[in-house]
Amino acid sequence: MTAAAVSAALASSASFAGTLDSVKERDSLQCGVSSGVPGYSVPDDKGTWTGLDVDVCRAIAAAVLGDASKVKYIPLTAKERFTALSSGEIDVLSRTTTWTLTRDSQLGINFAGVNYYDGQGFLVKKDLGVSSVKELDGATICIQSGTTTELNTADYFNANGLAHTPVTFDTNDQAATAFDTGRCDAFTTDLSQAFALRSRMGDPNSVVALPEVISKEPLGPSVKQADDQWFNMVKWSLNAMINAEELGVTSENVDDMKANSKNPSIQRLLGGSEGLSKGLGVDDDWAYRIVKQVGNYGESFERNLGASSPLGIDRGINALWNQGGFLYAPPIR
């Protein structure tokens, strides 16, 4: 590498450093979210945002600023999200975004973990009379542009010798609405989002999911590269929620656990090991605040996607690793 290239790299790194300090000085977290996906990130009629992705933003704010409400939510389309992150318009992207090689290595961003393991599927109207994606040869398919969904669809249809006509839209909501009004034969996206958007359709019972799941879609928050302290802060905010569920620490019992638990893992999680969080740049009660104000991962899943939500999605592979799922977080120690 030439001296000029080294200088440019160092300048780039410096420009990306210090997000934690910037968030503290601003006293607000700028979080990029979707333009409205039920269960993940959606505002109510009063402008209050809720969802699984929103809770990641709230957890970071609780850890860093002491208050989970100190978040400015910035709705972004799929095309806008990575530019907003790399330009510094947002501090973290928490927007149903799939972790892939090219995104992790070519866009100047780092994925900080997985908060939902998903897969791509297809919705059709029952009266279309098909029971498999392989019966959609020549179909029109409503799809969001600029996504892995668009690429996966092309790959799957090409691999199976099928023709299709993609009808693209800027948002999943637009694509789902177009499908619902008869513009396309099918609608495709990550299955959890498909079920969420089906709930908004005119007659949800007339819409079914085909059995094929054609991709792996590990969804999670991301940050821009060259700021390791901020990367660690976001990563461990999510890990704290997962570890809290595994340890049985909830928003309801966290005060009792902090005061009375003799479990060393719980004490470390809740600030009982002085100086453990020094490298994160926050005080030792950072994870306690996350659980107290936001809840553990299971609580977030239940109210946003699970049986307590309108979506009623089963935990499935998003259960903890010791309960038959994939969810696993490194230990806090």
C-alpha atoms as a PDB file:
ATOM      1  CA  MET A   1       0.000   0.000   0.000  1.00  0.00           C
ATOM      2  CA  THR A   2       1.352   3.441  -0.902  1.00  0.00           C
ATOM      3  CA  ALA A   3       1.846   6.200   1.668  1.00  0.00           C
ATOM      4  CA  ALA A   4      -1.092   8.064   0.139  1.00  0.00           C
ATOM      5  CA  ALA A   5      -3.303   4.991   0.445  1.00  0.00           C
ATOM      6  CA  VAL A   6      -2.294   4.496   4.086  1.00  0.00           C
ATOM      7  CA  SER A   7      -3.054   8.143   4.818  1.00  0.00           C
ATOM      8  CA  ALA A   8      -6.454   7.857   3.149  1.00  0.00           C
ATOM      9  CA  ALA A   9      -7.269   4.696   5.088  1.00  0.00           C
ATOM     10  CA  LEU A  10      -6.336   6.331   8.388  1.00  0.00           C
ATOM     11  CA  ALA A  11      -8.414   9.396   7.546  1.00  0.00           C
ATOM     12  CA  SER A  12     -11.375   7.197   6.678  1.00  0.00           C
ATOM     13  CA  SER A  13     -10.985   5.288   9.939  1.00  0.00           C
ATOM     14  CA  ALA A  14     -10.815   8.503  11.931  1.00  0.00           C
ATOM     15  CA  SER A  15     -13.944   9.843  10.276  1.00  0.00           C
ATOM     16  CA  PHE A  16     -15.806   6.726  11.332  1.00  0.00           C
ATOM     17  CA  ALA A  17     -14.584   6.734  14.946  1.00  0.00           C
ATOM     18  CA  GLY A  18     -16.410   8.007  17.986  1.00  0.00           C
ATOM     19  CA  THR A  19     -20.055   7.074  17.399  1.00  0.00           C
ATOM     20  CA  LEU A  20     -20.479   6.262  21.092  1.00  0.00           C
ATOM     21  CA  ASP A  21     -19.259   9.719  22.078  1.00  0.00           C
ATOM     22  CA  SER A  22     -21.453  11.339  19.426  1.00  0.00           C
ATOM     23  CA  VAL A  23     -24.546   9.528  20.700  1.00  0.00           C
ATOM     24  CA  LYS A  24     -23.758  10.584  24.269  1.00  0.00           C
ATOM     25  CA  GLU A  25     -23.181  14.208  23.261  1.00  0.00           C
ATOM     26  CA  ARG A  26     -26.388  14.272  21.210  1.00  0.00           C
ATOM     27  CA  ASP A  27     -28.232  12.458  24.016  1.00  0.00           C
ATOM     28  CA  SER A  28     -30.149  10.563  21.357  1.00  0.00           C
ATOM     29  CA  LEU A  29     -29.680   7.455  19.208  1.00  0.00           C
ATOM     30  CA  GLN A  30     -30.427   7.773  15.483  1.00  0.00           C
ATOM     31  CA  CYS A  31     -31.781   4.394  14.434  1.00  0.00           C
ATOM     32  CA  GLY A  32     -32.641   3.406  10.871  1.00  0.00           C
ATOM     33  CA  VAL A  33     -35.794   1.278  10.660  1.00  0.00           C
ATOM     34  CA  SER A  34     -38.247   0.130   8.007  1.00  0.00           C
ATOM     35  CA  SER A  35     -41.007   2.323   6.667  1.00  0.00           C
ATOM     36  CA  GLY A  36     -43.457   0.033   8.467  1.00  0.00           C
ATOM     37  CA  VAL A  37     -43.311  -3.755   8.886  1.00  0.00           C
ATOM     38  CA  PRO A  38     -45.685  -5.109  11.569  1.00  0.00           C
ATOM     39  CA  GLY A  39     -43.820  -6.934  14.290  1.00  0.00           C
ATOM     40  CA  TYR A  40     -40.452  -5.428  13.400  1.00  0.00           C
ATOM     41  CA  SER A  41     -40.707  -1.653  13.143  1.00  0.00           C
ATOM     42  CA  VAL A  42     -43.966   0.205  12.744  1.00  0.00           C
ATOM     43  CA  PRO A  43     -45.393   3.453  14.180  1.00  0.00           C
ATOM     44  CA  ASP A  44     -48.871   3.670  15.709  1.00  0.00           C
ATOM     45  CA  ASP A  45     -51.309   6.512  15.092  1.00  0.00           C
ATOM     46  CA  LYS A  46     -49.487   8.564  17.748  1.00  0.00           C
ATOM     47  CA  GLY A  47     -46.095   8.035  16.125  1.00  0.00           C
ATOM     48  CA  THR A  48     -44.831   5.561  18.734  1.00  0.00           C
ATOM     49  CA  TRP A  49     -42.604   2.916  17.171  1.00  0.00           C
ATOM     50  CA  THR A  50     -42.755  -0.741  18.228  1.00  0.00           C
ATOM     51  CA  GLY A  51     -41.297  -4.020  16.987  1.00  0.00           C
ATOM     52  CA  LEU A  52     -38.477  -6.520  17.378  1.00  0.00           C
ATOM     53  CA  ASP A  53     -36.045  -4.266  15.503  1.00  0.00           C
ATOM     54  CA  VAL A  54     -37.232  -1.231  17.440  1.00  0.00           C
ATOM     55  CA  ASP A  55     -36.435  -3.032  20.698  1.00  0.00           C
ATOM     56  CA  VAL A  56     -32.813  -3.397  19.569  1.00  0.00           C
ATOM     57  CA  CYS A  57     -32.670   0.394  19.182  1.00  0.00           C
ATOM     58  CA  ARG A  58     -34.304   0.857  22.580  1.00  0.00           C
ATOM     59  CA  ALA A  59     -31.845  -1.558  24.190  1.00  0.00           C
ATOM     60  CA  ILE A  60     -28.857   0.371  22.849  1.00  0.00           C
ATOM     61  CA  ALA A  61     -30.330   3.671  24.085  1.00  0.00           C
ATOM     62  CA  ALA A  62     -30.999   2.195  27.525  1.00  0.00           C
ATOM     63  CA  ALA A  63     -27.422   0.904  27.748  1.00  0.00           C
ATOM     64  CA  VAL A  64     -25.703   4.054  26.486  1.00  0.00           C
ATOM     65  CA  LEU A  65     -28.038   6.880  27.519  1.00  0.00           C
ATOM     66  CA  GLY A  66     -29.880   5.334  30.443  1.00  0.00           C
ATOM     67  CA  ASP A  67     -33.245   5.807  28.760  1.00  0.00           C
ATOM     68  CA  ALA A  68     -34.759   3.480  26.162  1.00  0.00           C
ATOM     69  CA  SER A  69     -36.976   6.279  24.863  1.00  0.00           C
ATOM     70  CA  LYS A  70     -34.078   8.425  23.666  1.00  0.00           C
ATOM     71  CA  VAL A  71     -34.252   7.158  20.088  1.00  0.00           C
ATOM     72  CA  LYS A  72     -34.947   9.038  16.877  1.00  0.00           C
ATOM     73  CA  TYR A  73     -36.405   6.554  14.389  1.00  0.00           C
ATOM     74  CA  ILE A  74     -35.550   7.212  10.755  1.00  0.00           C
ATOM     75  CA  PRO A  75     -37.693   5.220   8.268  1.00  0.00           C
ATOM     76  CA  LEU A  76     -35.672   3.971   5.309  1.00  0.00           C
ATOM     77  CA  THR A  77     -36.399   2.013   2.148  1.00  0.00           C
ATOM     78  CA  ALA A  78     -34.216  -0.933   1.180  1.00  0.00           C
ATOM     79  CA  LYS A  79     -32.398   1.280  -1.337  1.00  0.00           C
ATOM     80  CA  GLU A  80     -31.727   4.039   1.191  1.00  0.00           C
ATOM     81  CA  ARG A  81     -30.619   2.013   4.216  1.00  0.00           C
ATOM     82  CA  PHE A  82     -26.947   1.326   3.523  1.00  0.00           C
ATOM     83  CA  THR A  83     -26.209   4.837   2.254  1.00  0.00           C
ATOM     84  CA  ALA A  84     -27.808   6.281   5.371  1.00  0.00           C
ATOM     85  CA  LEU A  85     -25.595   4.094   7.542  1.00  0.00           C
ATOM     86  CA  SER A  86     -22.315   4.666   5.721  1.00  0.00           C
ATOM     87  CA  SER A  87     -22.919   8.436   5.506  1.00  0.00           C
ATOM     88  CA  GLY A  88     -23.539   8.771   9.246  1.00  0.00           C
ATOM     89  CA  GLU A  89     -27.191   9.812   8.896  1.00  0.00           C
ATOM     90  CA  ILE A  90     -27.960   6.982  11.321  1.00  0.00           C
ATOM     91  CA  ASP A  91     -25.907   5.413  14.123  1.00  0.00           C
ATOM     92  CA  VAL A  92     -27.282   1.904  13.686  1.00  0.00           C
ATOM     93  CA  LEU A  93     -29.430   0.117  11.117  1.00  0.00           C
ATOM     94  CA  SER A  94     -32.041  -2.182  12.663  1.00  0.00           C
ATOM     95  CA  ARG A  95     -34.277  -2.916   9.701  1.00  0.00           C
ATOM     96  CA  THR A  96     -35.017  -6.553   8.734  1.00  0.00           C
ATOM     97  CA  THR A  97     -31.678  -6.695   6.923  1.00  0.00           C
ATOM     98  CA  THR A  98     -30.058  -9.971   5.860  1.00  0.00           C
ATOM     99  CA  TRP A  99     -26.428 -10.590   6.788  1.00  0.00           C
ATOM    100  CA  THR A 100     -24.510 -11.617   3.639  1.00  0.00           C
ATOM    101  CA  LEU A 101     -20.888 -11.818   2.526  1.00  0.00           C
ATOM    102  CA  THR A 102     -21.039  -8.910   0.084  1.00  0.00           C
ATOM    103  CA  ARG A 103     -22.854  -6.631   2.510  1.00  0.00           C
ATOM    104  CA  ASP A 104     -20.394  -7.468   5.277  1.00  0.00           C
ATOM    105  CA  SER A 105     -17.307  -7.053   3.105  1.00  0.00           C
ATOM    106  CA  GLN A 106     -18.101  -4.488   0.406  1.00  0.00           C
ATOM    107  CA  LEU A 107     -20.433  -1.875   1.895  1.00  0.00           C
ATOM    108  CA  GLY A 108     -18.283  -0.624   4.765  1.00  0.00           C
ATOM    109  CA  ILE A 109     -20.615  -2.046   7.409  1.00  0.00           C
ATOM    110  CA  ASN A 110     -20.477  -4.708  10.121  1.00  0.00           C
ATOM    111  CA  PHE A 111     -23.352  -6.893  11.235  1.00  0.00           C
ATOM    112  CA  ALA A 112     -23.588  -7.017  15.019  1.00  0.00           C
ATOM    113  CA  GLY A 113     -25.503 -10.282  15.353  1.00  0.00           C
ATOM    114  CA  VAL A 114     -28.764 -11.972  14.420  1.00  0.00           C
ATOM    115  CA  ASN A 115     -32.054 -11.032  16.070  1.00  0.00           C
ATOM    116  CA  TYR A 116     -34.234 -13.192  13.800  1.00  0.00           C
ATOM    117  CA  TYR A 117     -33.485 -16.262  11.680  1.00  0.00           C
ATOM    118  CA  ASP A 118     -35.772 -16.128   8.664  1.00  0.00           C
ATOM    119  CA  GLY A 119     -36.215 -17.583   5.185  1.00  0.00           C
ATOM    120  CA  GLN A 120     -37.822 -16.408   1.955  1.00  0.00           C
ATOM    121  CA  GLY A 121     -41.234 -17.720   0.953  1.00  0.00           C
ATOM    122  CA  PHE A 122     -44.134 -17.001  -1.410  1.00  0.00           C
ATOM    123  CA  LEU A 123     -47.746 -15.991  -0.873  1.00  0.00           C
ATOM    124  CA  VAL A 124     -50.487 -16.702  -3.417  1.00  0.00           C
ATOM    125  CA  LYS A 125     -54.261 -16.417  -3.488  1.00  0.00           C
ATOM    126  CA  LYS A 126     -56.016 -19.705  -2.833  1.00  0.00           C
ATOM    127  CA  ASP A 127     -58.049 -19.342  -6.006  1.00  0.00           C
ATOM    128  CA  LEU A 128     -54.857 -19.402  -8.113  1.00  0.00           C
ATOM    129  CA  GLY A 129     -54.916 -23.137  -7.470  1.00  0.00           C
ATOM    130  CA  VAL A 130     -51.192 -23.804  -7.025  1.00  0.00           C
ATOM    131  CA  SER A 131     -49.502 -25.719  -4.231  1.00  0.00           C
ATOM    132  CA  SER A 132     -45.815 -25.233  -5.069  1.00  0.00           C
ATOM    133  CA  VAL A 133     -43.496 -22.479  -6.235  1.00  0.00           C
ATOM    134  CA  LYS A 134     -42.576 -24.790  -9.111  1.00  0.00           C
ATOM    135  CA  GLU A 135     -46.096 -24.298 -10.465  1.00  0.00           C
ATOM    136  CA  LEU A 136     -45.450 -20.554 -10.866  1.00  0.00           C
ATOM    137  CA  ASP A 137     -43.720 -20.891 -14.259  1.00  0.00           C
ATOM    138  CA  GLY A 138     -44.427 -17.666 -16.186  1.00  0.00           C
ATOM    139  CA  ALA A 139     -45.968 -15.938 -13.145  1.00  0.00           C
ATOM    140  CA  THR A 140     -45.763 -12.275 -12.258  1.00  0.00           C
ATOM    141  CA  ILE A 141     -44.267 -11.791  -8.804  1.00  0.00           C
ATOM    142  CA  CYS A 142     -44.523  -8.657  -6.660  1.00  0.00           C
ATOM    143  CA  ILE A 143     -41.191  -8.019  -4.962  1.00  0.00           C
ATOM    144  CA  GLN A 144     -39.241  -5.286  -3.207  1.00  0.00           C
ATOM    145  CA  SER A 145     -36.353  -3.941  -5.262  1.00  0.00           C
ATOM    146  CA  GLY A 146     -32.787  -3.677  -3.996  1.00  0.00           C
ATOM    147  CA  THR A 147     -33.095  -6.709  -1.716  1.00  0.00           C
ATOM    148  CA  THR A 148     -31.698 -10.216  -1.371  1.00  0.00           C
ATOM    149  CA  THR A 149     -35.300 -11.296  -2.027  1.00  0.00           C
ATOM    150  CA  GLU A 150     -35.069 -10.088  -5.614  1.00  0.00           C
ATOM    151  CA  LEU A 151     -31.771 -11.912  -6.188  1.00  0.00           C
ATOM    152  CA  ASN A 152     -32.914 -15.121  -4.484  1.00  0.00           C
ATOM    153  CA  THR A 153     -36.031 -15.244  -6.644  1.00  0.00           C
ATOM    154  CA  ALA A 154     -34.048 -14.905  -9.856  1.00  0.00           C
ATOM    155  CA  ASP A 155     -31.593 -17.591  -8.724  1.00  0.00           C
ATOM    156  CA  TYR A 156     -34.341 -20.031  -7.714  1.00  0.00           C
ATOM    157  CA  PHE A 157     -36.365 -19.648 -10.892  1.00  0.00           C
ATOM    158  CA  ASN A 158     -33.268 -19.919 -13.102  1.00  0.00           C
ATOM    159  CA  ALA A 159     -32.037 -23.011 -11.245  1.00  0.00           C
ATOM    160  CA  ASN A 160     -35.396 -24.717 -11.717  1.00  0.00           C
ATOM    161  CA  GLY A 161     -35.855 -23.739 -15.375  1.00  0.00           C
ATOM    162  CA  LEU A 162     -38.818 -21.479 -14.608  1.00  0.00           C
ATOM    163  CA  ALA A 163     -39.741 -18.137 -16.101  1.00  0.00           C
ATOM    164  CA  HIS A 164     -41.128 -15.241 -14.080  1.00  0.00           C
ATOM    165  CA  THR A 165     -41.756 -11.533 -14.429  1.00  0.00           C
ATOM    166  CA  PRO A 166     -40.712  -9.504 -11.382  1.00  0.00           C
ATOM    167  CA  VAL A 167     -42.867  -6.458 -10.626  1.00  0.00           C
ATOM    168  CA  THR A 168     -40.709  -4.334  -8.319  1.00  0.00           C
ATOM    169  CA  PHE A 169     -41.563  -1.747  -5.685  1.00  0.00           C
ATOM    170  CA  ASP A 170     -39.586   0.456  -3.313  1.00  0.00           C
ATOM    171  CA  THR A 171     -41.178  -1.035  -0.190  1.00  0.00           C
ATOM    172  CA  ASN A 172     -42.558  -4.389   0.871  1.00  0.00           C
ATOM    173  CA  ASP A 173     -45.804  -2.709   1.841  1.00  0.00           C
ATOM    174  CA  GLN A 174     -46.271  -1.470  -1.722  1.00  0.00           C
ATOM    175  CA  ALA A 175     -45.460  -4.894  -3.130  1.00  0.00           C
ATOM    176  CA  ALA A 176     -47.914  -6.620  -0.775  1.00  0.00           C
ATOM    177  CA  THR A 177     -50.671  -4.131  -1.607  1.00  0.00           C
ATOM    178  CA  ALA A 178     -50.118  -4.631  -5.335  1.00  0.00           C
ATOM    179  CA  PHE A 179     -50.363  -8.402  -4.888  1.00  0.00           C
ATOM    180  CA  ASP A 180     -53.500  -8.046  -2.787  1.00  0.00           C
ATOM    181  CA  THR A 181     -55.184  -5.947  -5.475  1.00  0.00           C
ATOM    182  CA  GLY A 182     -54.433  -8.498  -8.194  1.00  0.00           C
ATOM    183  CA  ARG A 183     -51.474  -6.952  -9.951  1.00  0.00           C
ATOM    184  CA  CYS A 184     -49.305 -10.061  -9.478  1.00  0.00           C
ATOM    185  CA  ASP A 185     -49.788 -13.799  -9.199  1.00  0.00           C
ATOM    186  CA  ALA A 186     -47.559 -14.048  -6.127  1.00  0.00           C
ATOM    187  CA  PHE A 187     -45.781 -11.985  -3.497  1.00  0.00           C
ATOM    188  CA  THR A 188     -42.406 -12.947  -2.074  1.00  0.00           C
ATOM    189  CA  THR A 189     -40.367 -11.783   0.907  1.00  0.00           C
ATOM    190  CA  ASP A 190     -39.011 -13.182   4.165  1.00  0.00           C
ATOM    191  CA  LEU A 191     -41.749 -15.362   5.626  1.00  0.00           C
ATOM    192  CA  SER A 192     -42.119 -13.492   8.901  1.00  0.00           C
ATOM    193  CA  GLN A 193     -42.688 -10.246   6.992  1.00  0.00           C
ATOM    194  CA  ALA A 194     -45.014 -12.024   4.565  1.00  0.00           C
ATOM    195  CA  PHE A 195     -47.257 -13.174   7.406  1.00  0.00           C
ATOM    196  CA  ALA A 196     -47.146  -9.715   8.974  1.00  0.00           C
ATOM    197  CA  LEU A 197     -48.155  -8.036   5.719  1.00  0.00           C
ATOM    198  CA  ARG A 198     -50.823 -10.671   5.032  1.00  0.00           C
ATOM    199  CA  SER A 199     -52.556  -9.520   8.214  1.00  0.00           C
ATOM    200  CA  ARG A 200     -53.138  -6.140   6.535  1.00  0.00           C
ATOM    201  CA  MET A 201     -54.657  -7.557   3.346  1.00  0.00           C
ATOM    202  CA  GLY A 202     -58.340  -7.316   2.481  1.00  0.00           C
ATOM    203  CA  ASP A 203     -59.040 -11.004   3.133  1.00  0.00           C
ATOM    204  CA  PRO A 204     -56.050 -12.657   4.849  1.00  0.00           C
ATOM    205  CA  ASN A 205     -57.786 -16.036   4.823  1.00  0.00           C
ATOM    206  CA  SER A 206     -57.771 -16.024   1.023  1.00  0.00           C
ATOM    207  CA  VAL A 207     -53.964 -15.932   0.983  1.00  0.00           C
ATOM    208  CA  VAL A 208     -51.713 -18.937   1.628  1.00  0.00           C
ATOM    209  CA  ALA A 209     -47.974 -19.537   1.864  1.00  0.00           C
ATOM    210  CA  LEU A 210     -46.455 -22.078  -0.498  1.00  0.00           C
ATOM    211  CA  PRO A 211     -44.357 -24.766   1.239  1.00  0.00           C
ATOM    212  CA  GLU A 212     -40.923 -23.935  -0.194  1.00  0.00           C
ATOM    213  CA  VAL A 213     -38.477 -21.812   1.806  1.00  0.00           C
ATOM    214  CA  ILE A 214     -35.824 -20.884  -0.733  1.00  0.00           C
ATOM    215  CA  SER A 215     -33.147 -19.073   1.280  1.00  0.00           C
ATOM    216  CA  LYS A 216     -31.425 -18.420   4.577  1.00  0.00           C
ATOM    217  CA  GLU A 217     -32.161 -14.914   5.880  1.00  0.00           C
ATOM    218  CA  PRO A 218     -30.303 -14.133   9.114  1.00  0.00           C
ATOM    219  CA  LEU A 219     -31.617 -10.689  10.031  1.00  0.00           C
ATOM    220  CA  GLY A 220     -29.801  -8.340  12.359  1.00  0.00           C
ATOM    221  CA  PRO A 221     -28.562  -4.849  13.204  1.00  0.00           C
ATOM    222  CA  SER A 222     -25.504  -3.341  11.546  1.00  0.00           C
ATOM    223  CA  VAL A 223     -23.125  -0.433  12.045  1.00  0.00           C
ATOM    224  CA  LYS A 224     -20.504   1.218   9.885  1.00  0.00           C
ATOM    225  CA  GLN A 225     -16.998  -0.222   9.948  1.00  0.00           C
ATOM    226  CA  ALA A 226     -13.856   1.214  11.581  1.00  0.00           C
ATOM    227  CA  ASP A 227     -15.543   2.008  14.901  1.00  0.00           C
ATOM    228  CA  ASP A 228     -14.927  -1.069  17.018  1.00  0.00           C
ATOM    229  CA  GLN A 229     -16.153   0.403  20.300  1.00  0.00           C
ATOM    230  CA  TRP A 230     -19.563   1.196  18.807  1.00  0.00           C
ATOM    231  CA  PHE A 231     -19.675  -2.162  17.044  1.00  0.00           C
ATOM    232  CA  ASN A 232     -19.093  -3.850  20.411  1.00  0.00           C
ATOM    233  CA  MET A 233     -21.748  -1.726  22.122  1.00  0.00           C
ATOM    234  CA  VAL A 234     -24.445  -2.657  19.612  1.00  0.00           C
ATOM    235  CA  LYS A 235     -23.371  -6.308  19.520  1.00  0.00           C
ATOM    236  CA  TRP A 236     -23.435  -6.700  23.288  1.00  0.00           C
ATOM    237  CA  SER A 237     -26.733  -4.866  23.706  1.00  0.00           C
ATOM    238  CA  LEU A 238     -28.344  -7.619  21.628  1.00  0.00           C
ATOM    239  CA  ASN A 239     -26.308 -10.312  23.386  1.00  0.00           C
ATOM    240  CA  ALA A 240     -27.467  -9.015  26.767  1.00  0.00           C
ATOM    241  CA  MET A 241     -31.119  -9.535  25.801  1.00  0.00           C
ATOM    242  CA  ILE A 242     -30.422 -13.102  24.677  1.00  0.00           C
ATOM    243  CA  ASN A 243     -28.320 -13.953  27.729  1.00  0.00           C
ATOM    244  CA  ALA A 244     -30.983 -12.501  30.017  1.00  0.00           C
ATOM    245  CA  GLU A 245     -33.606 -14.856  28.596  1.00  0.00           C
ATOM    246  CA  GLU A 246     -31.299 -17.834  28.956  1.00  0.00           C
ATOM    247  CA  LEU A 247     -30.638 -16.908  32.595  1.00  0.00           C
ATOM    248  CA  GLY A 248     -34.331 -16.365  33.352  1.00  0.00           C
ATOM    249  CA  VAL A 249     -33.935 -12.630  34.009  1.00  0.00           C
ATOM    250  CA  THR A 250     -36.993 -10.610  32.961  1.00  0.00           C
ATOM    251  CA  SER A 251     -38.167  -7.027  33.205  1.00  0.00           C
ATOM    252  CA  GLU A 252     -40.397  -8.116  36.104  1.00  0.00           C
ATOM    253  CA  ASN A 253     -37.826  -9.955  38.216  1.00  0.00           C
ATOM    254  CA  VAL A 254     -34.652  -8.051  37.304  1.00  0.00           C
ATOM    255  CA  ASP A 255     -34.591  -5.967  40.505  1.00  0.00           C
ATOM    256  CA  ASP A 256     -34.944  -9.038  42.685  1.00  0.00           C
ATOM    257  CA  MET A 257     -32.329 -10.885  40.657  1.00  0.00           C
ATOM    258  CA  LYS A 258     -29.901  -7.975  40.932  1.00  0.00           C
ATOM    259  CA  ALA A 259     -30.334  -7.769  44.692  1.00  0.00           C
ATOM    260  CA  ASN A 260     -30.573 -11.428  45.636  1.00  0.00           C
ATOM    261  CA  SER A 261     -29.311 -13.839  42.969  1.00  0.00           C
ATOM    262  CA  LYS A 262     -26.204 -15.825  43.905  1.00  0.00           C
ATOM    263  CA  ASN A 263     -25.693 -16.962  40.298  1.00  0.00           C
ATOM    264  CA  PRO A 264     -22.361 -15.459  39.150  1.00  0.00           C
ATOM    265  CA  SER A 265     -23.573 -15.232  35.544  1.00  0.00           C
ATOM    266  CA  ILE A 266     -26.613 -13.206  36.604  1.00  0.00           C
ATOM    267  CA  GLN A 267     -24.496 -10.951  38.795  1.00  0.00           C
ATOM    268  CA  ARG A 268     -22.105 -10.279  35.908  1.00  0.00           C
ATOM    269  CA  LEU A 269     -25.037  -9.533  33.592  1.00  0.00           C
ATOM    270  CA  LEU A 270     -26.618  -7.089  36.028  1.00  0.00           C
ATOM    271  CA  GLY A 271     -23.523  -5.148  37.049  1.00  0.00           C
ATOM    272  CA  GLY A 272     -22.252  -7.131  40.015  1.00  0.00           C
ATOM    273  CA  SER A 273     -18.715  -7.446  38.609  1.00  0.00           C
ATOM    274  CA  GLU A 274     -17.158  -4.026  38.915  1.00  0.00           C
ATOM    275  CA  GLY A 275     -15.285  -2.835  35.838  1.00  0.00           C
ATOM    276  CA  LEU A 276     -16.479  -5.641  33.563  1.00  0.00           C
ATOM    277  CA  SER A 277     -17.979  -3.124  31.101  1.00  0.00           C
ATOM    278  CA  LYS A 278     -14.975  -0.792  31.038  1.00  0.00           C
ATOM    279  CA  GLY A 279     -14.126  -1.681  27.454  1.00  0.00           C
ATOM    280  CA  LEU A 280     -17.640  -0.844  26.272  1.00  0.00           C
ATOM    281  CA  GLY A 281     -17.423   2.738  27.516  1.00  0.00           C
ATOM    282  CA  VAL A 282     -20.516   2.518  29.725  1.00  0.00           C
ATOM    283  CA  ASP A 283     -21.152   1.908  33.425  1.00  0.00           C
ATOM    284  CA  ASP A 284     -21.673  -1.532  34.928  1.00  0.00           C
ATOM    285  CA  ASP A 285     -25.487  -1.250  35.025  1.00  0.00           C
ATOM    286  CA  TRP A 286     -25.833  -1.051  31.223  1.00  0.00           C
ATOM    287  CA  ALA A 287     -27.370  -4.513  30.798  1.00  0.00           C
ATOM    288  CA  TYR A 288     -29.572  -4.103  33.874  1.00  0.00           C
ATOM    289  CA  ARG A 289     -31.127  -1.058  32.217  1.00  0.00           C
ATOM    290  CA  ILE A 290     -31.735  -2.996  29.001  1.00  0.00           C
ATOM    291  CA  VAL A 291     -33.647  -5.753  30.793  1.00  0.00           C
ATOM    292  CA  LYS A 292     -35.486  -3.343  33.110  1.00  0.00           C
ATOM    293  CA  GLN A 293     -36.631  -0.988  30.356  1.00  0.00           C
ATOM    294  CA  VAL A 294     -36.902  -3.251  27.286  1.00  0.00           C
ATOM    295  CA  GLY A 295     -36.977  -6.831  28.569  1.00  0.00           C
ATOM    296  CA  ASN A 296     -35.101  -9.938  27.516  1.00  0.00           C
ATOM    297  CA  TYR A 297     -35.208 -11.334  23.974  1.00  0.00           C
ATOM    298  CA  GLY A 298     -38.094 -13.668  24.760  1.00  0.00           C
ATOM    299  CA  GLU A 299     -40.219 -10.834  26.120  1.00  0.00           C
ATOM    300  CA  SER A 300     -39.525  -8.759  23.008  1.00  0.00           C
ATOM    301  CA  PHE A 301     -40.343 -11.669  20.688  1.00  0.00           C
ATOM    302  CA  GLU A 302     -43.551 -12.508  22.538  1.00  0.00           C
ATOM    303  CA  ARG A 303     -45.083  -9.015  22.460  1.00  0.00           C
ATOM    304  CA  ASN A 304     -44.005  -8.207  18.892  1.00  0.00           C
ATOM    305  CA  LEU A 305     -44.202 -11.489  16.981  1.00  0.00           C
ATOM    306  CA  GLY A 306     -45.387 -14.241  19.317  1.00  0.00           C
ATOM    307  CA  ALA A 307     -48.668 -15.405  20.817  1.00  0.00           C
ATOM    308  CA  SER A 308     -49.258 -12.082  22.579  1.00  0.00           C
ATOM    309  CA  SER A 309     -49.075 -10.227  19.251  1.00  0.00           C
ATOM    310  CA  PRO A 310     -51.507 -10.122  16.313  1.00  0.00           C
ATOM    311  CA  LEU A 311     -49.017 -12.175  14.263  1.00  0.00           C
ATOM    312  CA  GLY A 312     -48.854 -15.240  16.504  1.00  0.00           C
ATOM    313  CA  ILE A 313     -45.564 -16.531  15.089  1.00  0.00           C
ATOM    314  CA  ASP A 314     -44.073 -19.594  16.792  1.00  0.00           C
ATOM    315  CA  ARG A 315     -40.520 -19.257  18.140  1.00  0.00           C
ATOM    316  CA  GLY A 316     -39.365 -22.209  16.008  1.00  0.00           C
ATOM    317  CA  ILE A 317     -35.682 -21.902  15.123  1.00  0.00           C
ATOM    318  CA  ASN A 318     -35.618 -18.556  16.951  1.00  0.00           C
ATOM    319  CA  ALA A 319     -35.895 -20.372  20.271  1.00  0.00           C
ATOM    320  CA  LEU A 320     -32.843 -20.480  22.529  1.00  0.00           C
ATOM    321  CA  TRP A 321     -30.103 -22.969  21.625  1.00  0.00           C
ATOM    322  CA  ASN A 322     -30.929 -25.085  24.697  1.00  0.00           C
ATOM    323  CA  GLN A 323     -34.614 -25.175  23.734  1.00  0.00           C
ATOM    324  CA  GLY A 324     -34.210 -26.502  20.209  1.00  0.00           C
ATOM    325  CA  GLY A 325     -33.501 -23.244  18.390  1.00  0.00           C
ATOM    326  CA  PHE A 326     -30.532 -21.348  16.938  1.00  0.00           C
ATOM    327  CA  LEU A 327     -30.442 -18.430  19.376  1.00  0.00           C
ATOM    328  CA  TYR A 328     -27.083 -18.326  21.153  1.00  0.00           C
ATOM    329  CA  ALA A 329     -25.092 -15.466  22.645  1.00  0.00           C
ATOM    330  CA  PRO A 330     -21.505 -15.413  23.913  1.00  0.00           C
ATOM    331  CA  PRO A 331     -21.278 -15.174  27.712  1.00  0.00           C
ATOM    332  CA  ILE A 332     -20.902 -11.922  29.621  1.00  0.00           C
ATOM    333  CA  ARG A 333     -17.806 -12.533  31.709  1.00  0.00           C
END
